[in-house]
Protein backbone atom coordinates (compact mmCIF):
# COMPACT_ATOMS: atom_id res chain seq x y z
CA UNK A 1 -11.06 69.30 -28.43
CA UNK A 2 -11.85 69.46 -24.87
CA UNK A 3 -9.50 68.71 -21.98
CA UNK A 4 -11.86 65.69 -20.96
CA UNK A 5 -11.66 63.98 -24.28
CA UNK A 6 -7.69 64.36 -24.43
CA UNK A 7 -7.54 62.97 -20.77
CA UNK A 8 -9.72 60.07 -21.69
CA UNK A 9 -7.53 59.31 -24.98
CA UNK A 10 -4.24 59.31 -22.76
CA UNK A 11 -5.77 57.04 -20.29
CA UNK A 12 -6.99 54.80 -23.32
CA UNK A 13 -3.43 54.55 -24.68
CA UNK A 14 -1.88 53.89 -21.18
CA UNK A 15 -4.36 50.92 -21.00
CA UNK A 16 -3.39 49.44 -24.22
CA UNK A 17 0.29 49.82 -23.25
CA UNK A 18 -0.22 47.96 -19.91
CA UNK A 19 -1.91 45.14 -21.79
CA UNK A 20 0.72 44.91 -24.49
CA UNK A 21 3.73 45.30 -22.18
CA UNK A 22 5.17 42.34 -20.41
CA UNK A 23 5.50 42.84 -16.61
CA UNK A 24 9.40 43.38 -15.56
CA UNK A 25 10.90 44.73 -12.59
CA UNK A 26 13.51 46.93 -14.48
CA UNK A 27 12.84 49.66 -16.90
CA UNK A 28 10.51 48.82 -19.59
CA UNK A 29 11.27 49.93 -23.25
CA UNK A 30 8.92 51.81 -25.39
CA UNK A 31 6.74 49.63 -27.27
CA UNK A 32 7.40 49.59 -31.19
CA UNK A 33 4.65 49.89 -33.68
CA UNK A 34 4.75 46.29 -34.49
CA UNK A 35 4.27 45.25 -30.95
CA UNK A 36 1.19 47.51 -30.60
CA UNK A 37 0.06 45.88 -33.80
CA UNK A 38 0.59 42.47 -32.53
CA UNK A 39 -1.26 43.31 -29.37
CA UNK A 40 -4.17 44.84 -31.43
CA UNK A 41 -4.50 41.73 -33.54
CA UNK A 42 -4.11 39.57 -30.47
CA UNK A 43 -6.83 41.29 -28.47
CA UNK A 44 -9.67 42.48 -30.62
CA UNK A 45 -12.19 41.42 -28.34
CA UNK A 46 -10.86 43.53 -25.61
CA UNK A 47 -10.50 46.44 -27.84
CA UNK A 48 -13.98 46.43 -28.87
CA UNK A 49 -15.20 46.24 -25.40
CA UNK A 50 -13.30 49.33 -24.57
CA UNK A 51 -14.78 51.16 -27.30
CA UNK A 52 -18.30 50.10 -26.23
CA UNK A 53 -17.39 51.58 -22.89
CA UNK A 54 -16.28 54.87 -24.45
CA UNK A 55 -19.61 55.03 -26.47
CA UNK A 56 -21.96 54.05 -23.50
CA UNK A 57 -20.32 56.06 -20.80
CA UNK A 58 -20.67 59.74 -20.33
CA UNK A 59 -18.00 61.86 -21.59
CA UNK A 60 -17.73 63.84 -18.36
CA UNK A 61 -17.42 60.59 -16.22
CA UNK A 62 -13.97 59.40 -16.72
CA UNK A 63 -13.95 57.27 -13.58
CA UNK A 64 -16.40 54.78 -15.00
CA UNK A 65 -14.11 54.34 -17.97
CA UNK A 66 -11.10 53.89 -15.67
CA UNK A 67 -12.85 51.10 -13.72
CA UNK A 68 -14.07 49.28 -16.96
CA UNK A 69 -10.65 49.62 -18.33
CA UNK A 70 -8.87 48.22 -15.21
CA UNK A 71 -11.17 45.30 -14.80
CA UNK A 72 -10.56 44.21 -18.55
CA UNK A 73 -6.89 44.56 -18.00
CA UNK A 74 -6.86 42.39 -14.86
CA UNK A 75 -9.12 39.75 -16.71
CA UNK A 76 -6.52 39.44 -19.66
CA UNK A 77 -3.46 39.55 -17.63
CA UNK A 78 -4.29 37.04 -14.92
CA UNK A 79 -1.88 34.18 -14.94
CA UNK A 80 -3.13 30.67 -14.74
CA UNK A 81 -1.19 28.27 -12.26
CA UNK A 82 -0.85 24.63 -13.56
CA UNK A 83 -0.25 22.33 -10.68
CA UNK A 84 2.92 20.10 -11.12
CA UNK A 85 2.19 16.50 -11.15
CA UNK A 86 5.77 15.31 -11.43
CA UNK A 87 6.95 13.03 -8.61
CA UNK A 88 10.18 13.95 -6.78
CA UNK A 89 13.21 12.07 -7.57
CA UNK A 90 14.88 12.39 -4.31
CA UNK A 91 12.63 11.18 -1.54
CA UNK A 92 14.53 8.66 0.59
CA UNK A 93 11.77 8.68 3.18
CA UNK A 94 8.94 7.40 0.60
CA UNK A 95 8.52 3.53 0.73
CA UNK A 96 6.17 3.43 -2.50
CA UNK A 97 8.86 5.07 -4.56
CA UNK A 98 11.69 2.99 -3.15
CA UNK A 99 9.67 0.02 -4.38
CA UNK A 100 9.11 1.44 -7.82
CA UNK A 101 13.15 1.62 -7.87
CA UNK A 102 13.46 -1.83 -6.62
CA UNK A 103 11.04 -3.23 -9.17
CA UNK A 104 13.28 -2.19 -11.94
CA UNK A 105 15.56 -4.95 -10.84
CA UNK A 106 12.99 -7.69 -11.15
CA UNK A 107 13.71 -8.93 -14.79
CA UNK A 108 16.04 -11.71 -14.71
CA UNK A 109 17.39 -10.54 -18.06
CA UNK A 110 18.72 -7.32 -16.66
CA UNK A 111 19.83 -8.38 -13.21
CA UNK A 112 21.38 -11.50 -11.58
CA UNK A 113 22.16 -12.37 -8.15
CA UNK A 114 24.86 -10.29 -6.30
CA UNK A 115 26.32 -10.34 -2.68
CA UNK A 116 24.20 -9.02 0.05
CA UNK A 117 26.13 -5.85 0.49
CA UNK A 118 25.63 -4.70 -3.15
CA UNK A 119 22.33 -6.44 -3.95
CA UNK A 120 19.39 -4.81 -5.58
CA UNK A 121 18.01 -3.44 -2.33
CA UNK A 122 21.23 -1.36 -1.56
CA UNK A 123 21.14 0.05 -4.91
CA UNK A 124 17.62 1.03 -4.68
CA UNK A 125 18.13 2.51 -1.24
CA UNK A 126 20.74 4.71 -2.60
CA UNK A 127 18.71 6.10 -5.47
CA UNK A 128 19.74 3.65 -8.31
CA UNK A 129 17.60 1.96 -10.92
CA UNK A 130 18.19 -0.75 -13.35
CA UNK A 131 18.72 0.62 -16.80
CA UNK A 132 20.33 -2.13 -18.85
CA UNK A 133 21.90 -5.57 -18.28
CA UNK A 134 23.86 -5.11 -14.95
CA UNK A 135 23.92 -1.43 -15.21
CA UNK A 136 22.44 1.04 -12.97
CA UNK A 137 21.71 4.75 -13.33
CA UNK A 138 20.75 7.47 -10.86
CA UNK A 139 17.02 8.22 -10.68
CA UNK A 140 17.48 12.00 -10.23
CA UNK A 141 19.48 12.13 -13.51
CA UNK A 142 22.78 13.45 -12.45
CA UNK A 143 24.32 11.33 -14.96
CA UNK A 144 25.78 8.68 -12.61
CA UNK A 145 26.06 5.27 -13.96
CA UNK A 146 27.81 1.97 -12.75
CA UNK A 147 28.14 -1.41 -14.47
CA UNK A 148 28.18 -4.09 -11.81
CA UNK A 149 30.24 -7.04 -12.90
CA UNK A 150 31.80 -9.74 -10.79
CA UNK A 151 34.02 -12.74 -11.81
CA UNK A 152 32.04 -16.08 -11.38
CA UNK A 153 32.57 -18.14 -8.39
CA UNK A 154 34.65 -21.12 -8.92
CA UNK A 155 35.25 -24.38 -6.69
CA UNK A 156 37.67 -27.11 -6.27
CA UNK A 157 35.10 -29.71 -7.54
CA UNK A 158 35.11 -27.72 -11.00
CA UNK A 159 38.75 -28.89 -11.53
CA UNK A 160 40.33 -25.72 -10.10
CA UNK A 161 43.29 -25.98 -7.65
CA UNK A 162 42.89 -24.60 -4.09
CA UNK A 163 45.26 -21.34 -4.89
CA UNK A 164 43.18 -20.54 -8.04
CA UNK A 165 39.84 -20.68 -5.95
CA UNK A 166 41.38 -18.45 -3.15
CA UNK A 167 42.55 -15.96 -5.74
CA UNK A 168 39.31 -15.67 -7.18
CA UNK A 169 37.51 -15.21 -3.84
CA UNK A 170 40.05 -12.22 -3.05
CA UNK A 171 39.25 -10.62 -6.29
CA UNK A 172 35.53 -10.80 -5.66
CA UNK A 173 35.91 -9.46 -2.06
CA UNK A 174 37.99 -6.63 -3.37
CA UNK A 175 35.38 -5.70 -6.13
CA UNK A 176 32.61 -5.88 -3.67
CA UNK A 177 34.39 -3.47 -1.44
CA UNK A 178 34.87 -1.07 -4.41
CA UNK A 179 31.08 -1.30 -5.34
CA UNK A 180 30.31 -0.47 -1.78
CA UNK A 181 31.90 2.79 -2.19
CA UNK A 182 30.19 3.42 -5.42
CA UNK A 183 26.78 3.15 -3.94
CA UNK A 184 27.24 6.80 -3.07
CA UNK A 185 30.52 7.85 -4.69
CA UNK A 186 28.88 6.78 -8.08
CA UNK A 187 26.72 9.92 -8.16
CA UNK A 188 27.94 13.20 -9.08
CA UNK A 189 29.02 15.95 -6.64
CA UNK A 190 25.84 17.94 -6.74
CA UNK A 191 23.48 14.85 -6.56
CA UNK A 192 21.49 14.69 -2.92
CA UNK A 193 21.62 10.81 -3.12
CA UNK A 194 25.47 11.31 -2.56
CA UNK A 195 24.88 12.69 1.03
CA UNK A 196 21.40 10.84 1.98
CA UNK A 197 20.02 7.42 1.32
CA UNK A 198 16.98 5.36 2.64
CA UNK A 199 17.37 4.01 6.12
CA UNK A 200 17.01 0.44 7.20
CA UNK A 201 13.19 0.88 8.05
CA UNK A 202 12.30 1.41 4.29
CA UNK A 203 11.51 -2.29 3.84
CA UNK A 204 9.24 -2.45 6.81
CA UNK A 205 5.83 -3.89 6.13
CA UNK A 206 2.93 -1.80 7.81
CA UNK A 207 1.63 -4.73 9.81
CA UNK A 208 2.00 -3.32 13.36
CA UNK A 209 -2.06 -2.82 13.50
CA UNK A 210 -3.63 -6.24 13.90
CA UNK A 211 -6.85 -4.96 12.20
CA UNK A 212 -4.64 -3.91 9.09
CA UNK A 213 -2.59 -7.02 9.08
CA UNK A 214 -5.73 -9.32 9.10
CA UNK A 215 -7.48 -6.96 6.42
CA UNK A 216 -4.58 -7.79 3.99
CA UNK A 217 -4.38 -11.39 4.70
CA UNK A 218 -8.06 -11.72 4.09
CA UNK A 219 -7.91 -9.80 0.78
CA UNK A 220 -5.10 -11.77 -0.36
CA UNK A 221 -6.85 -14.98 0.62
CA UNK A 222 -9.94 -13.91 -1.31
CA UNK A 223 -7.95 -13.20 -4.44
CA UNK A 224 -6.37 -16.50 -4.33
CA UNK A 225 -9.49 -18.45 -3.55
CA UNK A 226 -10.89 -17.19 -6.89
CA UNK A 227 -8.26 -19.25 -8.60
CA UNK A 228 -8.70 -22.19 -6.43
CA UNK A 229 -8.49 -24.65 -9.35
CA UNK A 230 -5.09 -23.57 -10.34
CA UNK A 231 -3.45 -23.83 -6.90
CA UNK A 232 -1.19 -27.02 -6.23
CA UNK A 233 -2.49 -29.84 -3.97
CA UNK A 234 -2.15 -29.53 -0.37
CA UNK A 235 0.65 -32.16 -0.26
CA UNK A 236 2.75 -30.04 -2.58
CA UNK A 237 2.57 -26.97 -0.39
CA UNK A 238 5.65 -26.56 2.21
CA UNK A 239 5.77 -24.11 4.97
CA UNK A 240 8.13 -23.65 8.07
CA UNK A 241 7.93 -26.05 10.73
CA UNK A 242 6.93 -23.39 13.13
CA UNK A 243 3.59 -22.98 11.24
CA UNK A 244 0.68 -25.14 12.10
CA UNK A 245 -2.03 -24.39 9.68
CA UNK A 246 -4.71 -26.52 11.48
CA UNK A 247 -4.17 -24.33 14.56
CA UNK A 248 -4.27 -21.07 12.50
CA UNK A 249 -7.58 -22.34 10.96
CA UNK A 250 -9.14 -22.87 14.37
CA UNK A 251 -8.43 -19.25 15.58
CA UNK A 252 -9.42 -17.45 12.34
CA UNK A 253 -12.06 -14.71 12.89
CA UNK A 254 -15.54 -15.11 11.46
CA UNK A 255 -14.89 -12.61 8.66
CA UNK A 256 -12.94 -15.47 6.77
CA UNK A 257 -16.25 -17.43 6.02
CA UNK A 258 -18.15 -14.31 4.39
CA UNK A 259 -16.54 -15.28 0.79
CA UNK A 260 -17.36 -19.03 1.18
CA UNK A 261 -20.81 -18.41 2.44
CA UNK A 262 -21.75 -15.91 -0.32
CA UNK A 263 -20.46 -18.33 -3.03
CA UNK A 264 -22.40 -21.14 -1.60
CA UNK A 265 -25.32 -19.02 -1.51
CA UNK A 266 -24.96 -18.27 -5.12
CA UNK A 267 -24.41 -21.92 -6.03
CA UNK A 268 -27.45 -22.96 -3.93
CA UNK A 269 -29.53 -20.38 -5.84
CA UNK A 270 -28.34 -21.43 -9.13
CA UNK A 271 -29.26 -24.98 -8.34
CA UNK A 272 -32.73 -24.04 -7.21
CA UNK A 273 -33.34 -22.53 -10.40
CA UNK A 274 -32.05 -25.39 -12.43
CA UNK A 275 -34.12 -27.82 -10.43
CA UNK A 276 -37.42 -25.63 -10.68
CA UNK A 277 -36.83 -25.55 -14.48
CA UNK A 278 -36.33 -29.25 -14.82
CA UNK A 279 -38.93 -30.33 -12.32
CA UNK A 280 -41.74 -27.88 -12.88
CA UNK A 281 -44.10 -30.51 -14.26
CA UNK A 282 -43.82 -32.79 -11.29
CA UNK A 283 -43.60 -30.08 -8.70
CA UNK A 284 -40.22 -31.68 -7.38
CA UNK A 285 -38.39 -29.59 -4.58
CA UNK A 286 -34.72 -29.01 -4.88
CA UNK A 287 -32.48 -30.93 -2.72
CA UNK A 288 -31.30 -29.00 0.42
CA UNK A 289 -27.86 -27.85 0.51
CA UNK A 290 -25.70 -29.87 2.77
CA UNK A 291 -24.18 -27.33 5.20
CA UNK A 292 -20.76 -28.57 6.64
CA UNK A 293 -18.40 -26.96 8.98
CA UNK A 294 -17.10 -23.70 7.67
CA UNK A 295 -13.67 -24.20 8.99
CA UNK A 296 -13.38 -27.50 6.95
CA UNK A 297 -14.04 -25.29 3.76
CA UNK A 298 -10.97 -23.17 4.20
CA UNK A 299 -8.41 -23.77 1.36
CA UNK A 300 -5.02 -24.48 3.10
CA UNK A 301 -3.23 -23.71 0.08
CA UNK A 302 -4.61 -20.30 -0.28
CA UNK A 303 -4.20 -19.66 3.44
CA UNK A 304 -0.56 -20.63 3.48
CA UNK A 305 0.22 -18.43 0.39
CA UNK A 306 -1.55 -15.43 1.71
CA UNK A 307 0.01 -15.65 5.10
CA UNK A 308 3.40 -15.27 3.42
CA UNK A 309 2.41 -12.28 1.23
CA UNK A 310 1.65 -14.13 -1.98
CA UNK A 311 -1.23 -12.42 -4.03
CA UNK A 312 -2.80 -13.17 -7.30
CA UNK A 313 -1.74 -11.34 -10.38
CA UNK A 314 -4.58 -9.52 -11.98
CA UNK A 315 -7.83 -11.70 -12.03
CA UNK A 316 -5.83 -14.94 -11.52
CA UNK A 317 -6.74 -16.12 -14.98
CA UNK A 318 -3.25 -16.46 -15.87
CA UNK A 319 -2.19 -18.67 -12.99
CA UNK A 320 0.29 -16.15 -11.74
CA UNK A 321 1.04 -15.15 -8.11
CA UNK A 322 3.48 -12.44 -6.86
CA UNK A 323 4.89 -10.72 -3.94
CA UNK A 324 4.74 -6.86 -3.80
CA UNK A 325 7.53 -6.57 -1.46
CA UNK A 326 10.29 -8.50 -3.33
CA UNK A 327 8.60 -8.72 -6.82
CA UNK A 328 9.02 -12.38 -7.13
CA UNK A 329 6.69 -14.16 -9.40
CA UNK A 330 5.62 -17.88 -9.61
CA UNK A 331 3.66 -19.71 -12.26
CA UNK A 332 1.38 -22.03 -10.49
CA UNK A 333 1.30 -24.37 -13.53
CA UNK A 334 4.75 -25.48 -12.59
CA UNK A 335 3.76 -27.18 -9.39
CA UNK A 336 0.63 -28.90 -10.74
CA UNK A 337 0.30 -31.91 -12.92
CA UNK A 338 -0.80 -31.46 -16.28
CA UNK A 339 -4.08 -32.80 -17.60
CA UNK A 340 -2.58 -35.41 -19.57
CA UNK A 341 -0.93 -36.87 -16.61
CA UNK A 342 2.67 -35.69 -17.12
CA UNK A 343 4.87 -34.80 -14.05
CA UNK A 344 5.18 -31.14 -12.81
CA UNK A 345 8.27 -29.23 -13.14
CA UNK A 346 8.82 -28.87 -9.40
CA UNK A 347 7.56 -31.45 -6.81
CA UNK A 348 6.63 -29.00 -4.21
CA UNK A 349 5.97 -25.23 -3.62
CA UNK A 350 7.87 -23.68 -0.68
CA UNK A 351 5.90 -20.67 0.40
CA UNK A 352 9.01 -19.26 2.51
CA UNK A 353 12.02 -20.09 0.24
CA UNK A 354 10.34 -18.91 -3.10
CA UNK A 355 10.82 -15.32 -1.72
CA UNK A 356 13.98 -13.28 -2.24
CA UNK A 357 16.38 -13.66 0.60
CA UNK A 358 16.01 -10.08 1.68
CA UNK A 359 12.14 -9.98 1.57
CA UNK A 360 10.53 -8.72 4.92
CA UNK A 361 7.95 -11.38 4.57
CA UNK A 362 10.62 -14.02 5.57
CA UNK A 363 13.61 -11.76 6.61
CA UNK A 364 13.45 -10.63 10.43
CA UNK A 365 16.02 -7.96 10.10
CA UNK A 366 14.26 -6.49 7.09
CA UNK A 367 10.90 -6.36 8.83
CA UNK A 368 12.26 -4.95 12.16
CA UNK A 369 14.41 -2.26 10.30
CA UNK A 370 16.91 -2.11 12.80
CA UNK A 371 19.74 -2.63 10.54
CA UNK A 372 22.02 -3.79 13.36
CA UNK A 373 24.30 -6.90 12.00
CA UNK A 374 25.07 -7.97 15.61
CA UNK A 375 21.68 -7.90 17.06
CA UNK A 376 19.92 -11.01 18.21
CA UNK A 377 17.18 -12.18 15.88
CA UNK A 378 15.23 -14.39 18.32
CA UNK A 379 13.25 -11.46 19.54
CA UNK A 380 12.37 -10.27 16.14
CA UNK A 381 9.50 -11.28 13.90
CA UNK A 382 9.27 -11.61 10.11
CA UNK A 383 6.13 -10.47 8.22
CA UNK A 384 4.30 -13.72 8.29
CA UNK A 385 5.18 -14.19 11.89
CA UNK A 386 3.53 -10.75 12.57
CA UNK A 387 0.55 -11.65 10.67
CA UNK A 388 0.32 -14.90 12.59
CA UNK A 389 0.61 -13.00 15.91
CA UNK A 390 -2.00 -10.78 14.75
CA UNK A 391 -4.47 -13.45 14.31
CA UNK A 392 -3.66 -14.71 17.84
CA UNK A 393 -4.28 -11.33 19.43
CA UNK A 394 -7.73 -11.16 17.48
CA UNK A 395 -8.59 -14.43 18.89
CA UNK A 396 -7.78 -13.44 22.39
CA UNK A 397 -9.76 -10.36 22.14
CA UNK A 398 -12.76 -12.22 20.81
CA UNK A 399 -12.51 -14.79 23.75
CA UNK A 400 -12.19 -11.95 26.28
CA UNK A 401 -15.31 -10.20 24.62
CA UNK A 402 -17.21 -13.41 24.64
CA UNK A 403 -16.34 -14.26 28.39
CA UNK A 404 -17.59 -10.62 29.39
CA UNK A 405 -20.86 -10.95 27.54
CA UNK A 406 -21.44 -14.38 29.06
CA UNK A 407 -20.79 -12.90 32.55
CA UNK A 408 -23.21 -10.02 31.94
CA UNK A 409 -25.86 -12.33 30.64
CA UNK A 410 -25.43 -14.54 33.67
CA UNK A 411 -25.75 -11.47 35.83
CA UNK A 412 -28.91 -10.11 34.03
CA UNK A 413 -30.53 -13.48 34.36
CA UNK A 414 -30.36 -13.56 38.21
CA UNK A 415 -33.93 -13.32 39.79
CA UNK A 416 -35.27 -9.94 40.80
CA UNK A 417 -36.66 -9.17 44.01
CA UNK A 418 -40.28 -9.18 42.58
CA UNK A 419 -39.85 -12.54 41.39
CA UNK A 420 -38.87 -14.02 44.96
CA UNK A 421 -41.52 -15.85 46.87
CA UNK A 422 -44.07 -13.67 48.70
CA UNK A 423 -44.09 -15.83 51.64
CA UNK A 424 -40.68 -14.78 52.85
CA UNK A 425 -40.32 -12.33 55.81
CA UNK A 426 -39.50 -8.83 55.51
CA UNK A 427 -35.73 -9.30 56.39
CA UNK A 428 -35.26 -11.64 53.67
CA UNK A 429 -36.64 -9.29 51.11
CA UNK A 430 -34.40 -6.56 52.27
CA UNK A 431 -31.24 -8.93 51.98
CA UNK A 432 -32.30 -9.86 48.42
CA UNK A 433 -32.99 -6.29 47.29
CA UNK A 434 -29.48 -5.31 48.45
CA UNK A 435 -27.76 -8.29 46.67
CA UNK A 436 -29.80 -7.17 43.41
CA UNK A 437 -28.58 -3.58 43.80
CA UNK A 438 -25.00 -4.71 44.33
CA UNK A 439 -25.10 -6.66 41.17
CA UNK A 440 -26.52 -3.60 39.22
CA UNK A 441 -23.58 -1.71 40.26
CA UNK A 442 -21.20 -4.28 39.49
CA UNK A 443 -22.61 -4.35 35.72
CA UNK A 444 -22.55 -0.54 35.73
CA UNK A 445 -18.76 -0.63 36.79
CA UNK A 446 -17.80 -3.07 34.11
CA UNK A 447 -19.54 -1.20 31.33
CA UNK A 448 -18.13 2.10 32.37
CA UNK A 449 -14.59 2.95 31.26
CA UNK A 450 -12.43 3.89 34.35
CA UNK A 451 -10.40 7.04 33.74
CA UNK A 452 -7.88 8.64 36.15
CA UNK A 453 -9.00 11.37 38.38
CA UNK A 454 -7.46 14.65 37.96
CA UNK A 455 -5.96 16.25 41.02
CA UNK A 456 -6.13 20.07 41.29
CA UNK A 457 -3.00 21.66 41.40
CA UNK A 458 -2.24 23.51 44.47
């Protein structure tokens, strides 16, 4: 047997060993017979490919065998990277994940009202989720678990004396202080939530951009107007005294009337089809659609609810509305008389007070994100006030734009020198020409954005 054949055999066996051996940084043990057999059973296609390479290639060209064998080895041992879709459990900066933790406290059979220092917002900020009835657990799985239980409040009107009432209040205050410590100390020593929690801005609604605020307001309004028949009557809707719905309707942008116009067009088209089918024999024309002021068609109920962050649940067929910031849900059938004339469960729907007290739509401190207890709240704005201000800003921009366009039209409609009376003298024509070019320059300056001149560095 020649040296070339022996050399190719040794290389062939080394290729087999490299395929069957796992890669390791240390010394690799000698593969056993069972391992080699397993490798042969596992890779029959590769072995047949190597045999074909041996038969097809010339025995005097070992380089081609080396290249083919190495390519087969690389293709079979290439690792496949699978991206991980698991979301992080420690992300105190992520508002969406914070809202997911806060939503676990939504069910009334699992969580009841607690004092503000240890309410559901505080537990969610520190990485806790509601596991069972009044029991919270760490979202990171550190094993921390706390049962929140406070004694019921009592009052002298309930038949208890003043000493008993004061004792119960002191017990509650001491328990609240202990639970405040457990917000972080309840986690295990190695849990990251023990050292870092969400800051005060985590509840802030993204309403700083007026266009985004108005877009969200219009989207909620469109969803609510689809369930218009399920909404309570206008007189059953209560809102804060600072809100005047009539003034708000007068400054709404034109985008608000697209939904009503499209629905009116669809209804008008349907009426035309029905009229043509019924009166085709006598050639009767369908009655024209009576166009009213589009601002009169605005639903005050839907506008008030959308302004305070309420939105329809699903397609609105269930008659439920919800807030995506505090996860409060309301059934509209409780605020509307029944078909048989029975009275409603509640006489009125307060669009503000139905929110949880910590909701940023009504809480100025939660929306501002300052977290300073002694700060003056007069200068702060809650969520609905920010949206109301956005409507005012949009209206002011529209008025300024309309005034600028009117000024440009008035300037453009001034008579040109060519339209002047030809009977005037030469001096009058030159004066009119200068005035015309002065107006042109003013129009150009109003249309050109002024930018500060850059001074050269000396």
